[in-house]
Amino acid sequence: RTALDRADVVLDIYRRVANVRHPDAWLPVSVI
């Protein structure tokens, strides 16, 4: 829940720390 609520922060970390760029609509969860 926290990761989804702060998905914008997660996206920024991937871009800033690792230069990994996900689409803006991407959410940090893998659903079965």
PDB file of all heavy atoms in Angstrom:
ATOM      1  N   ARG A   1       0.833  -1.212   0.000  1.00  0.00           N
ATOM      2  CA  ARG A   1       0.000   0.000   0.000  1.00  0.00           C
ATOM      3  C   ARG A   1       0.864   1.258   0.000  1.00  0.00           C
ATOM      4  O   ARG A   1       0.622   2.209  -0.754  1.00  0.00           O
ATOM      5  CB  ARG A   1      -0.935  -0.008   1.206  1.00  0.00           C
ATOM      6  CG  ARG A   1      -1.869   1.211   1.267  1.00  0.00           C
ATOM      7  CD  ARG A   1      -2.841   1.111   2.427  1.00  0.00           C
ATOM      8  NE  ARG A   1      -3.773  -0.004   2.229  1.00  0.00           N
ATOM      9  CZ  ARG A   1      -4.860   0.057   1.472  1.00  0.00           C
ATOM     10  NH1 ARG A   1      -5.148   1.187   0.814  1.00  0.00           N
ATOM     11  NH2 ARG A   1      -5.648  -0.978   1.361  1.00  0.00           N
ATOM     12  N   THR A   2       1.896   1.276   0.857  1.00  0.00           N
ATOM     13  CA  THR A   2       2.784   2.443   0.923  1.00  0.00           C
ATOM     14  C   THR A   2       3.491   2.671  -0.402  1.00  0.00           C
ATOM     15  O   THR A   2       3.615   3.814  -0.876  1.00  0.00           O
ATOM     16  CB  THR A   2       3.820   2.258   2.051  1.00  0.00           C
ATOM     17  OG1 THR A   2       3.128   2.133   3.293  1.00  0.00           O
ATOM     18  CG2 THR A   2       4.774   3.434   2.123  1.00  0.00           C
ATOM     19  N   ALA A   3       3.972   1.587  -1.023  1.00  0.00           N
ATOM     20  CA  ALA A   3       4.661   1.714  -2.310  1.00  0.00           C
ATOM     21  C   ALA A   3       3.733   2.288  -3.369  1.00  0.00           C
ATOM     22  O   ALA A   3       4.152   3.120  -4.193  1.00  0.00           O
ATOM     23  CB  ALA A   3       5.191   0.349  -2.742  1.00  0.00           C
ATOM     24  N   LEU A   4       2.466   1.856  -3.375  1.00  0.00           N
ATOM     25  CA  LEU A   4       1.513   2.379  -4.362  1.00  0.00           C
ATOM     26  C   LEU A   4       1.158   3.826  -4.059  1.00  0.00           C
ATOM     27  O   LEU A   4       1.041   4.645  -4.979  1.00  0.00           O
ATOM     28  CB  LEU A   4       0.266   1.496  -4.368  1.00  0.00           C
ATOM     29  CG  LEU A   4       0.474   0.074  -4.938  1.00  0.00           C
ATOM     30  CD1 LEU A   4      -0.758  -0.778  -4.699  1.00  0.00           C
ATOM     31  CD2 LEU A   4       0.791   0.138  -6.427  1.00  0.00           C
ATOM     32  N   ASP A   5       0.978   4.160  -2.785  1.00  0.00           N
ATOM     33  CA  ASP A   5       0.663   5.549  -2.424  1.00  0.00           C
ATOM     34  C   ASP A   5       1.803   6.488  -2.798  1.00  0.00           C
ATOM     35  O   ASP A   5       1.567   7.672  -3.090  1.00  0.00           O
ATOM     36  CB  ASP A   5       0.387   5.659  -0.921  1.00  0.00           C
ATOM     37  CG  ASP A   5      -0.955   5.056  -0.516  1.00  0.00           C
ATOM     38  OD1 ASP A   5      -1.810   4.863  -1.409  1.00  0.00           O
ATOM     39  OD2 ASP A   5      -1.149   4.775   0.688  1.00  0.00           O
ATOM     40  N   ARG A   6       3.039   5.973  -2.771  1.00  0.00           N
ATOM     41  CA  ARG A   6       4.213   6.812  -3.051  1.00  0.00           C
ATOM     42  C   ARG A   6       4.903   6.365  -4.344  1.00  0.00           C
ATOM     43  O   ARG A   6       6.131   6.424  -4.471  1.00  0.00           O
ATOM     44  CB  ARG A   6       5.193   6.741  -1.879  1.00  0.00           C
ATOM     45  CG  ARG A   6       4.573   7.202  -0.569  1.00  0.00           C
ATOM     46  CD  ARG A   6       5.545   7.170   0.577  1.00  0.00           C
ATOM     47  NE  ARG A   6       4.911   7.602   1.815  1.00  0.00           N
ATOM     48  CZ  ARG A   6       5.515   7.637   3.004  1.00  0.00           C
ATOM     49  NH1 ARG A   6       6.779   7.267   3.102  1.00  0.00           N
ATOM     50  NH2 ARG A   6       4.861   8.044   4.074  1.00  0.00           N
ATOM     51  N   ALA A   7       4.104   5.961  -5.285  1.00  0.00           N
ATOM     52  CA  ALA A   7       4.654   5.465  -6.551  1.00  0.00           C
ATOM     53  C   ALA A   7       5.498   6.528  -7.245  1.00  0.00           C
ATOM     54  O   ALA A   7       6.492   6.203  -7.910  1.00  0.00           O
ATOM     55  CB  ALA A   7       3.534   5.003  -7.471  1.00  0.00           C
ATOM     56  N   ASP A   8       5.135   7.813  -7.088  1.00  0.00           N
ATOM     57  CA  ASP A   8       5.916   8.863  -7.726  1.00  0.00           C
ATOM     58  C   ASP A   8       7.317   8.953  -7.124  1.00  0.00           C
ATOM     59  O   ASP A   8       8.299   9.216  -7.836  1.00  0.00           O
ATOM     60  CB  ASP A   8       5.196  10.209  -7.599  1.00  0.00           C
ATOM     61  CG  ASP A   8       4.900  10.588  -6.148  1.00  0.00           C
ATOM     62  OD1 ASP A   8       4.719   9.669  -5.308  1.00  0.00           O
ATOM     63  OD2 ASP A   8       4.849  11.791  -5.839  1.00  0.00           O
ATOM     64  N   VAL A   9       7.426   8.691  -5.821  1.00  0.00           N
ATOM     65  CA  VAL A   9       8.742   8.699  -5.173  1.00  0.00           C
ATOM     66  C   VAL A   9       9.579   7.520  -5.675  1.00  0.00           C
ATOM     67  O   VAL A   9      10.771   7.653  -5.949  1.00  0.00           O
ATOM     68  CB  VAL A   9       8.585   8.637  -3.639  1.00  0.00           C
ATOM     69  CG1 VAL A   9       9.964   8.620  -2.965  1.00  0.00           C
ATOM     70  CG2 VAL A   9       7.758   9.807  -3.136  1.00  0.00           C
ATOM     71  N   VAL A  10       8.943   6.340  -5.805  1.00  0.00           N
ATOM     72  CA  VAL A  10       9.642   5.158  -6.297  1.00  0.00           C
ATOM     73  C   VAL A  10      10.162   5.403  -7.713  1.00  0.00           C
ATOM     74  O   VAL A  10      11.317   5.098  -8.037  1.00  0.00           O
ATOM     75  CB  VAL A  10       8.727   3.922  -6.280  1.00  0.00           C
ATOM     76  CG1 VAL A  10       9.440   2.717  -6.891  1.00  0.00           C
ATOM     77  CG2 VAL A  10       8.275   3.606  -4.852  1.00  0.00           C
ATOM     78  N   LEU A  11       9.315   5.977  -8.583  1.00  0.00           N
ATOM     79  CA  LEU A  11       9.730   6.294  -9.951  1.00  0.00           C
ATOM     80  C   LEU A  11      10.935   7.220  -9.955  1.00  0.00           C
ATOM     81  O   LEU A  11      11.895   7.026 -10.715  1.00  0.00           O
ATOM     82  CB  LEU A  11       8.569   6.942 -10.710  1.00  0.00           C
ATOM     83  CG  LEU A  11       7.540   6.018 -11.339  1.00  0.00           C
ATOM     84  CD1 LEU A  11       6.316   6.835 -11.793  1.00  0.00           C
ATOM     85  CD2 LEU A  11       8.130   5.281 -12.529  1.00  0.00           C
ATOM     86  N   ASP A  12      10.893   8.226  -9.072  1.00  0.00           N
ATOM     87  CA  ASP A  12      11.982   9.192  -9.010  1.00  0.00           C
ATOM     88  C   ASP A  12      13.275   8.529  -8.537  1.00  0.00           C
ATOM     89  O   ASP A  12      14.363   8.839  -9.046  1.00  0.00           O
ATOM     90  CB  ASP A  12      11.607  10.337  -8.065  1.00  0.00           C
ATOM     91  CG  ASP A  12      12.707  11.375  -7.957  1.00  0.00           C
ATOM     92  OD1 ASP A  12      13.052  11.976  -8.996  1.00  0.00           O
ATOM     93  OD2 ASP A  12      13.241  11.558  -6.839  1.00  0.00           O
ATOM     94  N   ILE A  13      13.185   7.595  -7.571  1.00  0.00           N
ATOM     95  CA  ILE A  13      14.373   6.890  -7.078  1.00  0.00           C
ATOM     96  C   ILE A  13      15.012   6.074  -8.196  1.00  0.00           C
ATOM     97  O   ILE A  13      16.232   6.097  -8.386  1.00  0.00           O
ATOM     98  CB  ILE A  13      14.015   5.992  -5.875  1.00  0.00           C
ATOM     99  CG1 ILE A  13      13.700   6.860  -4.658  1.00  0.00           C
ATOM    100  CG2 ILE A  13      15.142   5.005  -5.565  1.00  0.00           C
ATOM    101  CD1 ILE A  13      13.124   6.088  -3.484  1.00  0.00           C
ATOM    102  N   TYR A  14      14.194   5.347  -8.945  1.00  0.00           N
ATOM    103  CA  TYR A  14      14.736   4.553 -10.048  1.00  0.00           C
ATOM    104  C   TYR A  14      15.455   5.447 -11.059  1.00  0.00           C
ATOM    105  O   TYR A  14      16.543   5.107 -11.550  1.00  0.00           O
ATOM    106  CB  TYR A  14      13.620   3.771 -10.744  1.00  0.00           C
ATOM    107  CG  TYR A  14      13.322   2.437 -10.120  1.00  0.00           C
ATOM    108  CD1 TYR A  14      12.253   2.276  -9.238  1.00  0.00           C
ATOM    109  CD2 TYR A  14      14.089   1.313 -10.404  1.00  0.00           C
ATOM    110  CE1 TYR A  14      11.966   1.052  -8.659  1.00  0.00           C
ATOM    111  CE2 TYR A  14      13.818   0.087  -9.837  1.00  0.00           C
ATOM    112  CZ  TYR A  14      12.753  -0.048  -8.966  1.00  0.00           C
ATOM    113  OH  TYR A  14      12.480  -1.264  -8.390  1.00  0.00           O
ATOM    114  N   ARG A  15      14.855   6.597 -11.369  1.00  0.00           N
ATOM    115  CA  ARG A  15      15.466   7.501 -12.358  1.00  0.00           C
ATOM    116  C   ARG A  15      16.729   8.153 -11.797  1.00  0.00           C
ATOM    117  O   ARG A  15      17.765   8.211 -12.459  1.00  0.00           O
ATOM    118  CB  ARG A  15      14.468   8.582 -12.757  1.00  0.00           C
ATOM    119  CG  ARG A  15      13.285   8.066 -13.572  1.00  0.00           C
ATOM    120  CD  ARG A  15      12.197   9.131 -13.686  1.00  0.00           C
ATOM    121  NE  ARG A  15      11.013   8.628 -14.394  1.00  0.00           N
ATOM    122  CZ  ARG A  15       9.816   9.202 -14.349  1.00  0.00           C
ATOM    123  NH1 ARG A  15       9.640  10.301 -13.622  1.00  0.00           N
ATOM    124  NH2 ARG A  15       8.803   8.689 -15.006  1.00  0.00           N
ATOM    125  N   ARG A  16      16.645   8.614 -10.553  1.00  0.00           N
ATOM    126  CA  ARG A  16      17.733   9.390  -9.957  1.00  0.00           C
ATOM    127  C   ARG A  16      18.912   8.519  -9.529  1.00  0.00           C
ATOM    128  O   ARG A  16      20.072   8.891  -9.736  1.00  0.00           O
ATOM    129  CB  ARG A  16      17.171  10.148  -8.750  1.00  0.00           C
ATOM    130  CG  ARG A  16      18.191  10.876  -7.896  1.00  0.00           C
ATOM    131  CD  ARG A  16      17.528  11.862  -6.934  1.00  0.00           C
ATOM    132  NE  ARG A  16      16.303  11.351  -6.383  1.00  0.00           N
ATOM    133  CZ  ARG A  16      16.211  10.631  -5.246  1.00  0.00           C
ATOM    134  NH1 ARG A  16      17.317  10.319  -4.589  1.00  0.00           N
ATOM    135  NH2 ARG A  16      15.040  10.221  -4.793  1.00  0.00           N
ATOM    136  N   VAL A  17      18.634   7.372  -8.947  1.00  0.00           N
ATOM    137  CA  VAL A  17      19.694   6.529  -8.380  1.00  0.00           C
ATOM    138  C   VAL A  17      20.269   5.578  -9.421  1.00  0.00           C
ATOM    139  O   VAL A  17      21.477   5.352  -9.474  1.00  0.00           O
ATOM    140  CB  VAL A  17      19.164   5.733  -7.163  1.00  0.00           C
ATOM    141  CG1 VAL A  17      20.225   4.764  -6.636  1.00  0.00           C
ATOM    142  CG2 VAL A  17      18.710   6.689  -6.061  1.00  0.00           C
ATOM    143  N   ALA A  18      19.409   5.013 -10.261  1.00  0.00           N
ATOM    144  CA  ALA A  18      19.857   3.947 -11.161  1.00  0.00           C
ATOM    145  C   ALA A  18      19.707   4.274 -12.630  1.00  0.00           C
ATOM    146  O   ALA A  18      20.040   3.444 -13.485  1.00  0.00           O
ATOM    147  CB  ALA A  18      19.091   2.668 -10.852  1.00  0.00           C
ATOM    148  N   ASN A  19      19.189   5.447 -12.953  1.00  0.00           N
ATOM    149  CA  ASN A  19      18.959   5.831 -14.341  1.00  0.00           C
ATOM    150  C   ASN A  19      18.059   4.821 -15.060  1.00  0.00           C
ATOM    151  O   ASN A  19      18.245   4.521 -16.236  1.00  0.00           O
ATOM    152  CB  ASN A  19      20.283   5.994 -15.089  1.00  0.00           C
ATOM    153  CG  ASN A  19      20.121   6.799 -16.368  1.00  0.00           C
ATOM    154  OD1 ASN A  19      19.226   7.648 -16.477  1.00  0.00           O
ATOM    155  ND2 ASN A  19      20.957   6.521 -17.353  1.00  0.00           N
ATOM    156  N   VAL A  20      17.097   4.267 -14.325  1.00  0.00           N
ATOM    157  CA  VAL A  20      16.103   3.353 -14.890  1.00  0.00           C
ATOM    158  C   VAL A  20      14.803   4.134 -15.034  1.00  0.00           C
ATOM    159  O   VAL A  20      14.283   4.664 -14.046  1.00  0.00           O
ATOM    160  CB  VAL A  20      15.887   2.119 -13.983  1.00  0.00           C
ATOM    161  CG1 VAL A  20      14.736   1.268 -14.510  1.00  0.00           C
ATOM    162  CG2 VAL A  20      17.170   1.302 -13.906  1.00  0.00           C
ATOM    163  N   ARG A  21      14.269   4.172 -16.248  1.00  0.00           N
ATOM    164  CA  ARG A  21      13.092   5.002 -16.499  1.00  0.00           C
ATOM    165  C   ARG A  21      11.884   4.136 -16.853  1.00  0.00           C
ATOM    166  O   ARG A  21      11.859   3.469 -17.872  1.00  0.00           O
ATOM    167  CB  ARG A  21      13.380   5.999 -17.633  1.00  0.00           C
ATOM    168  CG  ARG A  21      14.515   6.939 -17.291  1.00  0.00           C
ATOM    169  CD  ARG A  21      14.758   8.011 -18.336  1.00  0.00           C
ATOM    170  NE  ARG A  21      15.820   8.900 -17.905  1.00  0.00           N
ATOM    171  CZ  ARG A  21      15.646   9.957 -17.111  1.00  0.00           C
ATOM    172  NH1 ARG A  21      14.417  10.251 -16.687  1.00  0.00           N
ATOM    173  NH2 ARG A  21      16.667  10.709 -16.753  1.00  0.00           N
ATOM    174  N   HIS A  22      10.906   4.148 -15.962  1.00  0.00           N
ATOM    175  CA  HIS A  22       9.634   3.481 -16.210  1.00  0.00           C
ATOM    176  C   HIS A  22       8.635   4.508 -16.740  1.00  0.00           C
ATOM    177  O   HIS A  22       8.775   5.707 -16.481  1.00  0.00           O
ATOM    178  CB  HIS A  22       9.085   2.864 -14.916  1.00  0.00           C
ATOM    179  CG  HIS A  22       9.886   1.696 -14.421  1.00  0.00           C
ATOM    180  ND1 HIS A  22       9.934   0.486 -15.064  1.00  0.00           N
ATOM    181  CD2 HIS A  22      10.667   1.559 -13.308  1.00  0.00           C
ATOM    182  CE1 HIS A  22      10.701  -0.355 -14.392  1.00  0.00           C
ATOM    183  NE2 HIS A  22      11.159   0.277 -13.326  1.00  0.00           N
ATOM    184  N   PRO A  23       7.598   4.071 -17.455  1.00  0.00           N
ATOM    185  CA  PRO A  23       6.538   5.003 -17.873  1.00  0.00           C
ATOM    186  C   PRO A  23       5.889   5.662 -16.664  1.00  0.00           C
ATOM    187  O   PRO A  23       5.840   5.085 -15.571  1.00  0.00           O
ATOM    188  CB  PRO A  23       5.544   4.093 -18.606  1.00  0.00           C
ATOM    189  CG  PRO A  23       6.336   2.889 -19.007  1.00  0.00           C
ATOM    190  CD  PRO A  23       7.360   2.698 -17.945  1.00  0.00           C
ATOM    191  N   ASP A  24       5.388   6.855 -16.842  1.00  0.00           N
ATOM    192  CA  ASP A  24       4.785   7.597 -15.728  1.00  0.00           C
ATOM    193  C   ASP A  24       3.616   6.843 -15.104  1.00  0.00           C
ATOM    194  O   ASP A  24       3.340   6.997 -13.905  1.00  0.00           O
ATOM    195  CB  ASP A  24       4.320   8.976 -16.199  1.00  0.00           C
ATOM    196  CG  ASP A  24       5.496   9.892 -16.534  1.00  0.00           C
ATOM    197  OD1 ASP A  24       6.618   9.592 -16.061  1.00  0.00           O
ATOM    198  OD2 ASP A  24       5.306  10.885 -17.265  1.00  0.00           O
ATOM    199  N   ALA A  25       2.920   6.040 -15.894  1.00  0.00           N
ATOM    200  CA  ALA A  25       1.754   5.314 -15.376  1.00  0.00           C
ATOM    201  C   ALA A  25       2.128   4.021 -14.662  1.00  0.00           C
ATOM    202  O   ALA A  25       1.271   3.358 -14.066  1.00  0.00           O
ATOM    203  CB  ALA A  25       0.787   5.001 -16.521  1.00  0.00           C
ATOM    204  N   TRP A  26       3.407   3.639 -14.705  1.00  0.00           N
ATOM    205  CA  TRP A  26       3.858   2.382 -14.094  1.00  0.00           C
ATOM    206  C   TRP A  26       3.688   2.403 -12.589  1.00  0.00           C
ATOM    207  O   TRP A  26       3.928   3.419 -11.928  1.00  0.00           O
ATOM    208  CB  TRP A  26       5.320   2.152 -14.452  1.00  0.00           C
ATOM    209  CG  TRP A  26       5.965   0.954 -13.807  1.00  0.00           C
ATOM    210  CD1 TRP A  26       5.949  -0.322 -14.245  1.00  0.00           C
ATOM    211  CD2 TRP A  26       6.767   0.950 -12.599  1.00  0.00           C
ATOM    212  NE1 TRP A  26       6.664  -1.143 -13.408  1.00  0.00           N
ATOM    213  CE2 TRP A  26       7.187  -0.391 -12.371  1.00  0.00           C
ATOM    214  CE3 TRP A  26       7.152   1.933 -11.682  1.00  0.00           C
ATOM    215  CZ2 TRP A  26       7.973  -0.759 -11.284  1.00  0.00           C
ATOM    216  CZ3 TRP A  26       7.940   1.571 -10.595  1.00  0.00           C
ATOM    217  CH2 TRP A  26       8.333   0.237 -10.412  1.00  0.00           C
ATOM    218  N   LEU A  27       3.259   1.294 -12.028  1.00  0.00           N
ATOM    219  CA  LEU A  27       3.118   1.166 -10.580  1.00  0.00           C
ATOM    220  C   LEU A  27       4.038   0.063 -10.069  1.00  0.00           C
ATOM    221  O   LEU A  27       4.202  -0.977 -10.729  1.00  0.00           O
ATOM    222  CB  LEU A  27       1.673   0.830 -10.200  1.00  0.00           C
ATOM    223  CG  LEU A  27       0.639   1.936 -10.425  1.00  0.00           C
ATOM    224  CD1 LEU A  27      -0.765   1.431 -10.118  1.00  0.00           C
ATOM    225  CD2 LEU A  27       0.957   3.168  -9.549  1.00  0.00           C
ATOM    226  N   PRO A  28       4.645   0.261  -8.879  1.00  0.00           N
ATOM    227  CA  PRO A  28       5.618  -0.692  -8.345  1.00  0.00           C
ATOM    228  C   PRO A  28       4.964  -1.917  -7.701  1.00  0.00           C
ATOM    229  O   PRO A  28       5.084  -2.159  -6.496  1.00  0.00           O
ATOM    230  CB  PRO A  28       6.380   0.141  -7.308  1.00  0.00           C
ATOM    231  CG  PRO A  28       5.380   1.130  -6.827  1.00  0.00           C
ATOM    232  CD  PRO A  28       4.535   1.466  -8.022  1.00  0.00           C
ATOM    233  N   VAL A  29       4.259  -2.691  -8.503  1.00  0.00           N
ATOM    234  CA  VAL A  29       3.645  -3.921  -8.013  1.00  0.00           C
ATOM    235  C   VAL A  29       3.457  -4.866  -9.193  1.00  0.00           C
ATOM    236  O   VAL A  29       3.186  -4.424 -10.319  1.00  0.00           O
ATOM    237  CB  VAL A  29       2.298  -3.636  -7.316  1.00  0.00           C
ATOM    238  CG1 VAL A  29       1.252  -3.150  -8.312  1.00  0.00           C
ATOM    239  CG2 VAL A  29       1.789  -4.849  -6.551  1.00  0.00           C
ATOM    240  N   SER A  30       3.676  -6.158  -8.951  1.00  0.00           N
ATOM    241  CA  SER A  30       3.487  -7.167  -9.985  1.00  0.00           C
ATOM    242  C   SER A  30       2.311  -8.048  -9.578  1.00  0.00           C
ATOM    243  O   SER A  30       2.416  -8.822  -8.614  1.00  0.00           O
ATOM    244  CB  SER A  30       4.754  -8.018 -10.155  1.00  0.00           C
ATOM    245  OG  SER A  30       5.832  -7.214 -10.572  1.00  0.00           O
ATOM    246  N   VAL A  31       1.211  -7.920 -10.311  1.00  0.00           N
ATOM    247  CA  VAL A  31      -0.016  -8.634  -9.972  1.00  0.00           C
ATOM    248  C   VAL A  31      -0.022 -10.013 -10.643  1.00  0.00           C
ATOM    249  O   VAL A  31       0.433 -10.163 -11.781  1.00  0.00           O
ATOM    250  CB  VAL A  31      -1.254  -7.830 -10.419  1.00  0.00           C
ATOM    251  CG1 VAL A  31      -2.542  -8.610 -10.171  1.00  0.00           C
ATOM    252  CG2 VAL A  31      -1.281  -6.480  -9.688  1.00  0.00           C
ATOM    253  N   ILE A  32      -0.512 -11.005  -9.936  1.00  0.00           N
ATOM    254  CA  ILE A  32      -0.696 -12.334 -10.515  1.00  0.00           C
ATOM    255  C   ILE A  32      -1.986 -12.331 -11.330  1.00  0.00           C
ATOM    256  O   ILE A  32      -3.055 -11.999 -10.805  1.00  0.00           O
ATOM    257  CB  ILE A  32      -0.770 -13.412  -9.414  1.00  0.00           C
ATOM    258  CG1 ILE A  32       0.541 -13.421  -8.612  1.00  0.00           C
ATOM    259  CG2 ILE A  32      -1.034 -14.787 -10.010  1.00  0.00           C
ATOM    260  CD1 ILE A  32       0.495 -14.299  -7.377  1.00  0.00           C
TER     261      ILE A  32
END
